[in-house]
Amino acid sequence: MKSRFLPQLNYSNAIATIALFVALGGAAVAAGLPRHSVGAAQLKQGAVTSAAIRKGAVNSGKLARGAVTPGKIGPNAVGPSNIGNGAVTSAKIGGGAVIAASIKNSVVTTNKLQKGAVTSEKLGANAVGTTNIANGSVTPAKLSTEIGGTVAPLKSGQTLRGVFDVGGTAAAAGGTAKGAVSYLMPLVNPPAVTVLKPGETSANCGGLGGGATPAATAGNLCVYLTERTNLDETELAKLVESNTRLGFGLSAKALAGGNFSAIGQWAVTAP
């Protein structure tokens, strides 16, 4: 008679036994894998996750050239310490990337400005004051034609020049005509006066130079007569009727009745 405790062999028992054997055998196989036996071909797609990578395990030597693209860089990931000296060149700066707020105060010095870079359009209203203008840089050629005379006295050694034409029609000999010349800039004191006939010169009046430019030494007014018509030359000394630091008067006298005139040039130099 069979014992009732003897196990019966059936399909379920067989399958359970085989499964236990496979489980124990698989664990043994996994525990016994040799080093470097698992390669890329043995890894399932997506098997290596970020959590499976040890911190600091992926270094620069593990990155392929060109592997880190703009889309792989996180916000604020690249700081000043990550940028090599001289790495940011002009070709690396985008158009409009450098604005006024990006430029530190006082970093743009004169040697950083290209010659001719600062034009009149780049200067703000009232940007150029008297302290920005070098002494002697504002010459007569730089003054607007709208600027008239000045009340400042003519500087020592400076010369003013001009022309004169005085005359009229006399009923008889002795008829006179008067005129006046005002200096563009006043003198400190009235100058000494010399009236010269055509071609004459004197120690203080060097004559009419090239281009008919009258000359006068310091402190002198030289009046050069270049044309005269029916003029009483005995009265030439009185051609300059009055003489002041602001200008001089003219008085021409007719030699006979009819038209008469005195035409010429003058020069005065401040003492």
C-alpha atoms as a PDB file:
ATOM      1  CA  MET A   1       0.000   0.000   0.000  1.00  0.00           C
ATOM      2  CA  LYS A   2       1.403   3.456  -1.108  1.00  0.00           C
ATOM      3  CA  SER A   3       1.954   6.136   1.454  1.00  0.00           C
ATOM      4  CA  ARG A   4      -0.346   9.110   1.099  1.00  0.00           C
ATOM      5  CA  PHE A   5       2.560  11.478   1.707  1.00  0.00           C
ATOM      6  CA  LEU A   6       4.560  10.420  -1.352  1.00  0.00           C
ATOM      7  CA  PRO A   7       4.708  13.417  -3.792  1.00  0.00           C
ATOM      8  CA  GLN A   8       3.011  12.891  -7.120  1.00  0.00           C
ATOM      9  CA  LEU A   9       4.890  13.923 -10.329  1.00  0.00           C
ATOM     10  CA  ASN A  10       2.698  16.026 -12.540  1.00  0.00           C
ATOM     11  CA  TYR A  11       2.980  18.907 -15.142  1.00  0.00           C
ATOM     12  CA  SER A  12       2.828  21.724 -12.575  1.00  0.00           C
ATOM     13  CA  ASN A  13       5.610  20.267 -10.462  1.00  0.00           C
ATOM     14  CA  ALA A  14       7.817  19.799 -13.500  1.00  0.00           C
ATOM     15  CA  ILE A  15       7.385  23.389 -14.738  1.00  0.00           C
ATOM     16  CA  ALA A  16       8.073  24.850 -11.255  1.00  0.00           C
ATOM     17  CA  THR A  17      11.250  22.793 -10.937  1.00  0.00           C
ATOM     18  CA  ILE A  18      12.529  23.919 -14.343  1.00  0.00           C
ATOM     19  CA  ALA A  19      11.770  27.613 -13.560  1.00  0.00           C
ATOM     20  CA  LEU A  20      13.675  27.414 -10.275  1.00  0.00           C
ATOM     21  CA  PHE A  21      16.634  25.865 -12.060  1.00  0.00           C
ATOM     22  CA  VAL A  22      16.679  28.595 -14.728  1.00  0.00           C
ATOM     23  CA  ALA A  23      16.423  31.363 -12.121  1.00  0.00           C
ATOM     24  CA  LEU A  24      19.252  29.988 -10.048  1.00  0.00           C
ATOM     25  CA  GLY A  25      21.330  29.271 -13.151  1.00  0.00           C
ATOM     26  CA  GLY A  26      20.769  32.778 -14.584  1.00  0.00           C
ATOM     27  CA  ALA A  27      21.866  34.451 -11.327  1.00  0.00           C
ATOM     28  CA  ALA A  28      24.945  32.306 -11.341  1.00  0.00           C
ATOM     29  CA  VAL A  29      25.701  33.266 -14.930  1.00  0.00           C
ATOM     30  CA  ALA A  30      25.243  37.001 -14.170  1.00  0.00           C
ATOM     31  CA  ALA A  31      27.435  36.776 -11.102  1.00  0.00           C
ATOM     32  CA  GLY A  32      30.101  35.001 -13.088  1.00  0.00           C
ATOM     33  CA  LEU A  33      30.437  37.400 -16.101  1.00  0.00           C
ATOM     34  CA  PRO A  34      34.107  38.126 -16.892  1.00  0.00           C
ATOM     35  CA  ARG A  35      35.389  41.802 -17.024  1.00  0.00           C
ATOM     36  CA  HIS A  36      34.742  43.702 -20.232  1.00  0.00           C
ATOM     37  CA  SER A  37      32.444  40.949 -21.560  1.00  0.00           C
ATOM     38  CA  VAL A  38      29.458  43.357 -21.902  1.00  0.00           C
ATOM     39  CA  GLY A  39      29.836  45.725 -24.870  1.00  0.00           C
ATOM     40  CA  ALA A  40      27.645  48.105 -26.784  1.00  0.00           C
ATOM     41  CA  ALA A  41      26.015  45.218 -28.620  1.00  0.00           C
ATOM     42  CA  GLN A  42      24.820  43.701 -25.310  1.00  0.00           C
ATOM     43  CA  LEU A  43      23.152  46.940 -24.105  1.00  0.00           C
ATOM     44  CA  LYS A  44      19.471  47.402 -24.813  1.00  0.00           C
ATOM     45  CA  GLN A  45      18.338  50.683 -26.386  1.00  0.00           C
ATOM     46  CA  GLY A  46      17.889  53.267 -23.590  1.00  0.00           C
ATOM     47  CA  ALA A  47      19.382  50.954 -20.967  1.00  0.00           C
ATOM     48  CA  VAL A  48      22.020  53.509 -19.797  1.00  0.00           C
ATOM     49  CA  THR A  49      20.104  56.333 -18.089  1.00  0.00           C
ATOM     50  CA  SER A  50      21.440  59.467 -16.418  1.00  0.00           C
ATOM     51  CA  ALA A  51      20.841  57.868 -13.010  1.00  0.00           C
ATOM     52  CA  ALA A  52      23.079  54.938 -14.020  1.00  0.00           C
ATOM     53  CA  ILE A  53      26.065  57.211 -14.822  1.00  0.00           C
ATOM     54  CA  ARG A  54      28.359  57.931 -11.901  1.00  0.00           C
ATOM     55  CA  LYS A  55      28.903  61.596 -11.069  1.00  0.00           C
ATOM     56  CA  GLY A  56      32.006  62.891 -12.862  1.00  0.00           C
ATOM     57  CA  ALA A  57      32.291  59.734 -14.984  1.00  0.00           C
ATOM     58  CA  VAL A  58      31.779  61.576 -18.293  1.00  0.00           C
ATOM     59  CA  ASN A  59      34.786  63.900 -18.733  1.00  0.00           C
ATOM     60  CA  SER A  60      36.081  65.892 -21.710  1.00  0.00           C
ATOM     61  CA  GLY A  61      38.016  62.863 -22.966  1.00  0.00           C
ATOM     62  CA  LYS A  62      34.743  60.928 -23.282  1.00  0.00           C
ATOM     63  CA  LEU A  63      33.100  63.573 -25.475  1.00  0.00           C
ATOM     64  CA  ALA A  64      33.395  63.295 -29.248  1.00  0.00           C
ATOM     65  CA  ARG A  65      34.509  66.396 -31.173  1.00  0.00           C
ATOM     66  CA  GLY A  66      31.443  68.499 -31.898  1.00  0.00           C
ATOM     67  CA  ALA A  67      29.272  66.472 -29.530  1.00  0.00           C
ATOM     68  CA  VAL A  68      28.323  69.468 -27.361  1.00  0.00           C
ATOM     69  CA  THR A  69      26.083  71.580 -29.596  1.00  0.00           C
ATOM     70  CA  PRO A  70      24.127  74.749 -28.592  1.00  0.00           C
ATOM     71  CA  GLY A  71      21.045  72.635 -27.975  1.00  0.00           C
ATOM     72  CA  LYS A  72      22.948  70.527 -25.414  1.00  0.00           C
ATOM     73  CA  ILE A  73      24.009  73.506 -23.239  1.00  0.00           C
ATOM     74  CA  GLY A  74      21.712  74.469 -20.386  1.00  0.00           C
ATOM     75  CA  PRO A  75      20.794  78.069 -19.464  1.00  0.00           C
ATOM     76  CA  ASN A  76      23.655  79.889 -17.676  1.00  0.00           C
ATOM     77  CA  ALA A  77      25.834  76.757 -18.080  1.00  0.00           C
ATOM     78  CA  VAL A  78      28.748  78.710 -19.620  1.00  0.00           C
ATOM     79  CA  GLY A  79      30.235  81.270 -17.198  1.00  0.00           C
ATOM     80  CA  PRO A  80      33.300  83.549 -17.450  1.00  0.00           C
ATOM     81  CA  SER A  81      35.526  80.826 -15.957  1.00  0.00           C
ATOM     82  CA  ASN A  82      34.550  78.471 -18.826  1.00  0.00           C
ATOM     83  CA  ILE A  83      35.669  80.907 -21.564  1.00  0.00           C
ATOM     84  CA  GLY A  84      39.335  80.842 -22.540  1.00  0.00           C
ATOM     85  CA  ASN A  85      41.378  84.032 -22.770  1.00  0.00           C
ATOM     86  CA  GLY A  86      40.985  85.525 -26.234  1.00  0.00           C
ATOM     87  CA  ALA A  87      38.257  83.016 -27.140  1.00  0.00           C
ATOM     88  CA  VAL A  88      35.619  85.676 -27.814  1.00  0.00           C
ATOM     89  CA  THR A  89      36.790  87.368 -31.030  1.00  0.00           C
ATOM     90  CA  SER A  90      35.001  90.005 -33.099  1.00  0.00           C
ATOM     91  CA  ALA A  91      33.752  87.263 -35.431  1.00  0.00           C
ATOM     92  CA  LYS A  92      32.074  85.567 -32.443  1.00  0.00           C
ATOM     93  CA  ILE A  93      30.053  88.639 -31.468  1.00  0.00           C
ATOM     94  CA  GLY A  94      26.612  88.875 -33.018  1.00  0.00           C
ATOM     95  CA  GLY A  95      25.329  91.998 -34.699  1.00  0.00           C
ATOM     96  CA  GLY A  96      23.965  94.410 -32.090  1.00  0.00           C
ATOM     97  CA  ALA A  97      25.233  92.190 -29.244  1.00  0.00           C
ATOM     98  CA  VAL A  98      27.379  94.922 -27.666  1.00  0.00           C
ATOM     99  CA  ILE A  99      25.150  97.750 -26.467  1.00  0.00           C
ATOM    100  CA  ALA A 100      25.860 100.778 -24.287  1.00  0.00           C
ATOM    101  CA  ALA A 101      24.853  98.903 -21.128  1.00  0.00           C
ATOM    102  CA  SER A 102      27.447  96.204 -21.941  1.00  0.00           C
ATOM    103  CA  ILE A 103      30.346  98.678 -22.035  1.00  0.00           C
ATOM    104  CA  LYS A 104      32.018  99.565 -18.760  1.00  0.00           C
ATOM    105  CA  ASN A 105      32.468 103.236 -17.971  1.00  0.00           C
ATOM    106  CA  SER A 106      35.768 104.720 -19.169  1.00  0.00           C
ATOM    107  CA  VAL A 107      36.798 101.611 -21.164  1.00  0.00           C
ATOM    108  CA  VAL A 108      36.452 103.333 -24.566  1.00  0.00           C
ATOM    109  CA  THR A 109      39.557 105.550 -24.681  1.00  0.00           C
ATOM    110  CA  THR A 110      40.852 107.764 -27.479  1.00  0.00           C
ATOM    111  CA  ASN A 111      43.170 105.048 -28.812  1.00  0.00           C
ATOM    112  CA  LYS A 112      40.101 102.824 -29.292  1.00  0.00           C
ATOM    113  CA  LEU A 113      38.465 105.299 -31.661  1.00  0.00           C
ATOM    114  CA  GLN A 114      39.126 105.038 -35.383  1.00  0.00           C
ATOM    115  CA  LYS A 115      40.387 108.190 -37.056  1.00  0.00           C
ATOM    116  CA  GLY A 116      37.389 110.194 -38.200  1.00  0.00           C
ATOM    117  CA  ALA A 117      34.963 107.992 -36.227  1.00  0.00           C
ATOM    118  CA  VAL A 118      33.542 110.864 -34.171  1.00  0.00           C
ATOM    119  CA  THR A 119      31.630 112.998 -36.667  1.00  0.00           C
ATOM    120  CA  SER A 120      29.434 116.017 -36.067  1.00  0.00           C
ATOM    121  CA  GLU A 121      26.378 113.737 -36.226  1.00  0.00           C
ATOM    122  CA  LYS A 122      27.774 111.675 -33.318  1.00  0.00           C
ATOM    123  CA  LEU A 123      28.135 114.688 -31.022  1.00  0.00           C
ATOM    124  CA  GLY A 124      25.268 115.600 -28.764  1.00  0.00           C
ATOM    125  CA  ALA A 125      23.952 119.093 -28.241  1.00  0.00           C
ATOM    126  CA  ASN A 126      26.423 121.222 -26.236  1.00  0.00           C
ATOM    127  CA  ALA A 127      28.883 118.285 -26.203  1.00  0.00           C
ATOM    128  CA  VAL A 128      31.901 120.445 -27.087  1.00  0.00           C
ATOM    129  CA  GLY A 129      32.735 123.084 -24.484  1.00  0.00           C
ATOM    130  CA  THR A 130      35.541 125.615 -24.288  1.00  0.00           C
ATOM    131  CA  THR A 131      37.742 123.128 -22.393  1.00  0.00           C
ATOM    132  CA  ASN A 132      37.550 120.731 -25.386  1.00  0.00           C
ATOM    133  CA  ILE A 133      38.900 123.289 -27.878  1.00  0.00           C
ATOM    134  CA  ALA A 134      42.683 123.554 -28.171  1.00  0.00           C
ATOM    135  CA  ASN A 135      44.240 127.018 -28.009  1.00  0.00           C
ATOM    136  CA  GLY A 136      44.495 128.573 -31.454  1.00  0.00           C
ATOM    137  CA  SER A 137      42.356 125.889 -33.112  1.00  0.00           C
ATOM    138  CA  VAL A 138      39.522 128.258 -34.034  1.00  0.00           C
ATOM    139  CA  THR A 139      40.974 130.152 -37.007  1.00  0.00           C
ATOM    140  CA  PRO A 140      39.231 132.758 -39.183  1.00  0.00           C
ATOM    141  CA  ALA A 141      38.510 130.004 -41.717  1.00  0.00           C
ATOM    142  CA  LYS A 142      36.533 128.139 -39.018  1.00  0.00           C
ATOM    143  CA  LEU A 143      34.263 131.076 -38.257  1.00  0.00           C
ATOM    144  CA  SER A 144      30.834 131.290 -39.823  1.00  0.00           C
ATOM    145  CA  THR A 145      30.266 134.006 -42.395  1.00  0.00           C
ATOM    146  CA  GLU A 146      27.401 135.142 -40.165  1.00  0.00           C
ATOM    147  CA  ILE A 147      29.882 136.302 -37.509  1.00  0.00           C
ATOM    148  CA  GLY A 148      30.522 140.023 -37.859  1.00  0.00           C
ATOM    149  CA  GLY A 149      33.130 142.278 -36.314  1.00  0.00           C
ATOM    150  CA  THR A 150      34.178 142.224 -32.720  1.00  0.00           C
ATOM    151  CA  VAL A 151      34.833 144.903 -30.126  1.00  0.00           C
ATOM    152  CA  ALA A 152      38.057 143.221 -28.980  1.00  0.00           C
ATOM    153  CA  PRO A 153      41.130 145.310 -29.925  1.00  0.00           C
ATOM    154  CA  LEU A 154      43.351 144.167 -32.757  1.00  0.00           C
ATOM    155  CA  LYS A 155      46.256 142.180 -31.308  1.00  0.00           C
ATOM    156  CA  SER A 156      49.769 143.586 -31.496  1.00  0.00           C
ATOM    157  CA  GLY A 157      51.348 142.897 -34.895  1.00  0.00           C
ATOM    158  CA  GLN A 158      48.052 142.027 -36.580  1.00  0.00           C
ATOM    159  CA  THR A 159      47.120 143.926 -39.742  1.00  0.00           C
ATOM    160  CA  LEU A 160      43.810 145.115 -41.166  1.00  0.00           C
ATOM    161  CA  ARG A 161      43.537 145.973 -44.866  1.00  0.00           C
ATOM    162  CA  GLY A 162      40.968 147.550 -47.165  1.00  0.00           C
ATOM    163  CA  VAL A 163      40.225 149.829 -50.112  1.00  0.00           C
ATOM    164  CA  PHE A 164      38.841 153.357 -50.444  1.00  0.00           C
ATOM    165  CA  ASP A 165      37.133 155.393 -53.176  1.00  0.00           C
ATOM    166  CA  VAL A 166      36.177 159.017 -52.584  1.00  0.00           C
ATOM    167  CA  GLY A 167      35.160 161.678 -55.148  1.00  0.00           C
ATOM    168  CA  GLY A 168      32.350 163.548 -56.843  1.00  0.00           C
ATOM    169  CA  THR A 169      31.597 166.363 -59.293  1.00  0.00           C
ATOM    170  CA  ALA A 170      32.923 169.846 -58.526  1.00  0.00           C
ATOM    171  CA  ALA A 171      31.411 173.068 -59.869  1.00  0.00           C
ATOM    172  CA  ALA A 172      34.847 174.629 -59.770  1.00  0.00           C
ATOM    173  CA  ALA A 173      38.352 174.076 -58.424  1.00  0.00           C
ATOM    174  CA  GLY A 174      38.462 173.380 -54.699  1.00  0.00           C
ATOM    175  CA  GLY A 175      35.301 171.324 -54.596  1.00  0.00           C
ATOM    176  CA  THR A 176      35.593 168.573 -51.980  1.00  0.00           C
ATOM    177  CA  ALA A 177      34.187 165.106 -51.361  1.00  0.00           C
ATOM    178  CA  LYS A 178      34.320 163.254 -48.070  1.00  0.00           C
ATOM    179  CA  GLY A 179      34.224 159.582 -47.016  1.00  0.00           C
ATOM    180  CA  ALA A 180      35.188 157.351 -44.097  1.00  0.00           C
ATOM    181  CA  VAL A 181      36.661 153.919 -43.340  1.00  0.00           C
ATOM    182  CA  SER A 182      35.830 151.957 -40.194  1.00  0.00           C
ATOM    183  CA  TYR A 183      38.139 149.229 -38.871  1.00  0.00           C
ATOM    184  CA  LEU A 184      36.641 145.775 -38.470  1.00  0.00           C
ATOM    185  CA  MET A 185      38.490 145.570 -35.147  1.00  0.00           C
ATOM    186  CA  PRO A 186      39.441 148.657 -33.149  1.00  0.00           C
ATOM    187  CA  LEU A 187      42.994 149.598 -32.218  1.00  0.00           C
ATOM    188  CA  VAL A 188      44.171 150.425 -28.724  1.00  0.00           C
ATOM    189  CA  ASN A 189      45.457 153.846 -29.905  1.00  0.00           C
ATOM    190  CA  PRO A 190      45.257 155.882 -33.150  1.00  0.00           C
ATOM    191  CA  PRO A 191      48.087 154.966 -35.569  1.00  0.00           C
ATOM    192  CA  ALA A 192      50.550 157.272 -37.327  1.00  0.00           C
ATOM    193  CA  VAL A 193      49.395 158.179 -40.889  1.00  0.00           C
ATOM    194  CA  THR A 194      51.335 158.151 -44.170  1.00  0.00           C
ATOM    195  CA  VAL A 195      49.760 158.928 -47.582  1.00  0.00           C
ATOM    196  CA  LEU A 196      51.690 157.686 -50.626  1.00  0.00           C
ATOM    197  CA  LYS A 197      51.358 158.408 -54.357  1.00  0.00           C
ATOM    198  CA  PRO A 198      51.376 155.522 -56.864  1.00  0.00           C
ATOM    199  CA  GLY A 199      54.670 153.573 -56.645  1.00  0.00           C
ATOM    200  CA  GLU A 200      55.863 155.309 -53.460  1.00  0.00           C
ATOM    201  CA  THR A 201      57.004 153.541 -50.287  1.00  0.00           C
ATOM    202  CA  SER A 202      58.418 154.622 -46.931  1.00  0.00           C
ATOM    203  CA  ALA A 203      60.160 153.141 -43.921  1.00  0.00           C
ATOM    204  CA  ASN A 204      56.805 152.304 -42.341  1.00  0.00           C
ATOM    205  CA  CYS A 205      54.926 151.534 -45.549  1.00  0.00           C
ATOM    206  CA  GLY A 206      56.473 148.808 -47.666  1.00  0.00           C
ATOM    207  CA  GLY A 207      54.159 149.362 -50.631  1.00  0.00           C
ATOM    208  CA  LEU A 208      51.753 147.031 -52.407  1.00  0.00           C
ATOM    209  CA  GLY A 209      53.119 143.510 -52.435  1.00  0.00           C
ATOM    210  CA  GLY A 210      52.213 140.552 -54.632  1.00  0.00           C
ATOM    211  CA  GLY A 211      48.510 140.457 -55.326  1.00  0.00           C
ATOM    212  CA  ALA A 212      48.281 144.177 -54.450  1.00  0.00           C
ATOM    213  CA  THR A 213      48.455 143.557 -50.707  1.00  0.00           C
ATOM    214  CA  PRO A 214      49.164 146.772 -48.816  1.00  0.00           C
ATOM    215  CA  ALA A 215      51.658 146.654 -45.945  1.00  0.00           C
ATOM    216  CA  ALA A 216      52.224 148.704 -42.784  1.00  0.00           C
ATOM    217  CA  THR A 217      54.599 148.335 -39.845  1.00  0.00           C
ATOM    218  CA  ALA A 218      53.319 148.187 -36.261  1.00  0.00           C
ATOM    219  CA  GLY A 219      51.572 151.373 -35.119  1.00  0.00           C
ATOM    220  CA  ASN A 220      51.135 152.779 -38.644  1.00  0.00           C
ATOM    221  CA  LEU A 221      48.331 153.456 -41.126  1.00  0.00           C
ATOM    222  CA  CYS A 222      49.529 153.446 -44.735  1.00  0.00           C
ATOM    223  CA  VAL A 223      47.182 154.924 -47.384  1.00  0.00           C
ATOM    224  CA  TYR A 224      48.234 154.024 -50.938  1.00  0.00           C
ATOM    225  CA  LEU A 225      46.765 156.173 -53.753  1.00  0.00           C
ATOM    226  CA  THR A 226      46.486 153.964 -56.843  1.00  0.00           C
ATOM    227  CA  GLU A 227      44.236 156.109 -59.107  1.00  0.00           C
ATOM    228  CA  ARG A 228      43.412 159.812 -59.134  1.00  0.00           C
ATOM    229  CA  THR A 229      41.281 161.961 -61.436  1.00  0.00           C
ATOM    230  CA  ASN A 230      41.273 165.797 -61.424  1.00  0.00           C
ATOM    231  CA  LEU A 231      42.709 165.696 -57.934  1.00  0.00           C
ATOM    232  CA  ASP A 232      44.535 168.569 -56.263  1.00  0.00           C
ATOM    233  CA  GLU A 233      47.712 166.698 -55.318  1.00  0.00           C
ATOM    234  CA  THR A 234      48.996 169.599 -53.224  1.00  0.00           C
ATOM    235  CA  GLU A 235      46.286 168.609 -50.772  1.00  0.00           C
ATOM    236  CA  LEU A 236      47.179 164.909 -50.646  1.00  0.00           C
ATOM    237  CA  ALA A 237      48.587 165.235 -47.138  1.00  0.00           C
ATOM    238  CA  LYS A 238      45.050 166.139 -46.100  1.00  0.00           C
ATOM    239  CA  LEU A 239      43.493 163.115 -47.830  1.00  0.00           C
ATOM    240  CA  VAL A 240      43.179 161.509 -44.386  1.00  0.00           C
ATOM    241  CA  GLU A 241      41.120 164.149 -42.679  1.00  0.00           C
ATOM    242  CA  SER A 242      40.660 162.461 -39.320  1.00  0.00           C
ATOM    243  CA  ASN A 243      42.399 159.556 -37.636  1.00  0.00           C
ATOM    244  CA  THR A 244      41.068 157.527 -34.697  1.00  0.00           C
ATOM    245  CA  ARG A 245      41.552 154.043 -33.266  1.00  0.00           C
ATOM    246  CA  LEU A 246      38.194 153.075 -34.842  1.00  0.00           C
ATOM    247  CA  GLY A 247      38.976 154.243 -38.399  1.00  0.00           C
ATOM    248  CA  PHE A 248      39.750 157.319 -40.454  1.00  0.00           C
ATOM    249  CA  GLY A 249      37.995 159.991 -42.537  1.00  0.00           C
ATOM    250  CA  LEU A 250      38.797 160.953 -46.149  1.00  0.00           C
ATOM    251  CA  SER A 251      38.677 164.371 -47.871  1.00  0.00           C
ATOM    252  CA  ALA A 252      39.467 164.748 -51.595  1.00  0.00           C
ATOM    253  CA  LYS A 253      39.748 168.172 -53.284  1.00  0.00           C
ATOM    254  CA  ALA A 254      39.136 168.852 -56.986  1.00  0.00           C
ATOM    255  CA  LEU A 255      41.857 170.500 -59.040  1.00  0.00           C
ATOM    256  CA  ALA A 256      39.235 172.042 -61.387  1.00  0.00           C
ATOM    257  CA  GLY A 257      35.560 171.874 -62.059  1.00  0.00           C
ATOM    258  CA  GLY A 258      34.186 168.479 -63.160  1.00  0.00           C
ATOM    259  CA  ASN A 259      34.494 164.916 -61.936  1.00  0.00           C
ATOM    260  CA  PHE A 260      37.305 164.136 -59.487  1.00  0.00           C
ATOM    261  CA  SER A 261      38.247 161.076 -57.396  1.00  0.00           C
ATOM    262  CA  ALA A 262      40.883 159.387 -55.259  1.00  0.00           C
ATOM    263  CA  ILE A 263      41.040 155.570 -55.264  1.00  0.00           C
ATOM    264  CA  GLY A 264      43.435 153.316 -53.406  1.00  0.00           C
ATOM    265  CA  GLN A 265      44.159 150.772 -50.667  1.00  0.00           C
ATOM    266  CA  TRP A 266      45.145 150.982 -47.026  1.00  0.00           C
ATOM    267  CA  ALA A 267      46.753 148.878 -44.305  1.00  0.00           C
ATOM    268  CA  VAL A 268      46.966 149.426 -40.544  1.00  0.00           C
ATOM    269  CA  THR A 269      48.966 147.322 -38.064  1.00  0.00           C
ATOM    270  CA  ALA A 270      48.407 147.315 -34.323  1.00  0.00           C
ATOM    271  CA  PRO A 271      51.416 148.474 -32.260  1.00  0.00           C
END
